[in-house]
């Protein structure tokens, strides 16, 4: 094997290894982006649920007050 063929072979092998590493990193980042989207959606749902729970608590207090007024 000559020096030039050795050089070309090294370039091709290096490019192949670089392509595999780049593809692997890209796929890992894509997974993290999906995870971030899911976490953001969970936070939005948690805020909505907190709002609903506060409304239900207010409604329950009002209901108890009305019952107390009716009984007394």
Protein backbone atom coordinates (compact mmCIF):
# COMPACT_ATOMS: atom_id res chain seq x y z
CA UNK A 1 0.00 0.00 0.00
CA UNK A 2 1.42 3.35 -0.96
CA UNK A 3 1.45 6.48 1.14
CA UNK A 4 -1.23 8.16 -0.97
CA UNK A 5 -3.60 5.17 -0.80
CA UNK A 6 -3.00 4.99 2.95
CA UNK A 7 -3.88 8.66 3.24
CA UNK A 8 -7.06 8.27 1.21
CA UNK A 9 -8.08 5.21 3.21
CA UNK A 10 -7.52 7.14 6.46
CA UNK A 11 -9.63 10.03 5.18
CA UNK A 12 -12.47 7.70 4.18
CA UNK A 13 -12.40 5.79 7.48
CA UNK A 14 -12.25 9.06 9.45
CA UNK A 15 -15.19 10.47 7.51
CA UNK A 16 -17.19 7.29 8.13
CA UNK A 17 -16.48 7.39 11.87
CA UNK A 18 -17.34 11.11 11.97
CA UNK A 19 -20.61 10.47 10.14
CA UNK A 20 -21.58 7.72 12.59
CA UNK A 21 -20.80 9.91 15.63
CA UNK A 22 -22.69 12.86 14.11
CA UNK A 23 -25.74 10.66 13.40
CA UNK A 24 -25.66 9.28 16.96
CA UNK A 25 -25.46 12.77 18.52
CA UNK A 26 -28.29 14.00 16.27
CA UNK A 27 -30.57 11.14 17.32
CA UNK A 28 -29.79 11.76 20.99
CA UNK A 29 -30.64 15.46 20.64
CA UNK A 30 -33.89 14.64 18.87
CA UNK A 31 -34.86 12.47 21.85
CA UNK A 32 -34.12 15.30 24.27
CA UNK A 33 -36.22 17.71 22.20
CA UNK A 34 -39.17 15.32 22.42
CA UNK A 35 -38.61 14.99 26.16
CA UNK A 36 -38.52 18.78 26.56
CA UNK A 37 -41.79 19.09 24.63
CA UNK A 38 -43.46 16.48 26.84
CA UNK A 39 -42.22 18.19 30.01
CA UNK A 40 -43.49 21.55 28.78
CA UNK A 41 -46.91 20.04 28.07
CA UNK A 42 -46.99 18.42 31.54
CA UNK A 43 -46.24 21.81 33.12
CA UNK A 44 -49.09 23.42 31.15
CA UNK A 45 -51.49 20.69 32.26
CA UNK A 46 -50.36 21.10 35.86
CA UNK A 47 -51.11 24.83 35.71
CA UNK A 48 -54.56 24.14 34.27
CA UNK A 49 -55.26 21.53 36.94
CA UNK A 50 -54.19 23.95 39.67
CA UNK A 51 -56.63 26.53 38.29
CA UNK A 52 -59.46 23.97 38.25
CA UNK A 53 -58.68 22.86 41.81
CA UNK A 54 -58.72 26.46 43.04
CA UNK A 55 -62.09 26.98 41.35
CA UNK A 56 -63.48 23.80 42.94
CA UNK A 57 -62.22 24.88 46.36
CA UNK A 58 -63.91 28.26 46.00
CA UNK A 59 -67.12 26.57 44.88
CA UNK A 60 -67.03 24.17 47.85
CA UNK A 61 -66.56 27.05 50.32
CA UNK A 62 -69.46 28.94 48.77
CA UNK A 63 -71.60 25.79 48.89
CA UNK A 64 -70.79 25.26 52.58
CA UNK A 65 -71.66 28.87 53.36
CA UNK A 66 -75.03 28.51 51.65
CA UNK A 67 -75.77 25.29 53.50
CA UNK A 68 -74.89 26.94 56.81
CA UNK A 69 -77.22 29.85 56.01
CA UNK A 70 -80.04 27.49 55.13
CA UNK A 71 -79.60 25.35 58.25
CA UNK A 72 -79.28 28.29 60.69
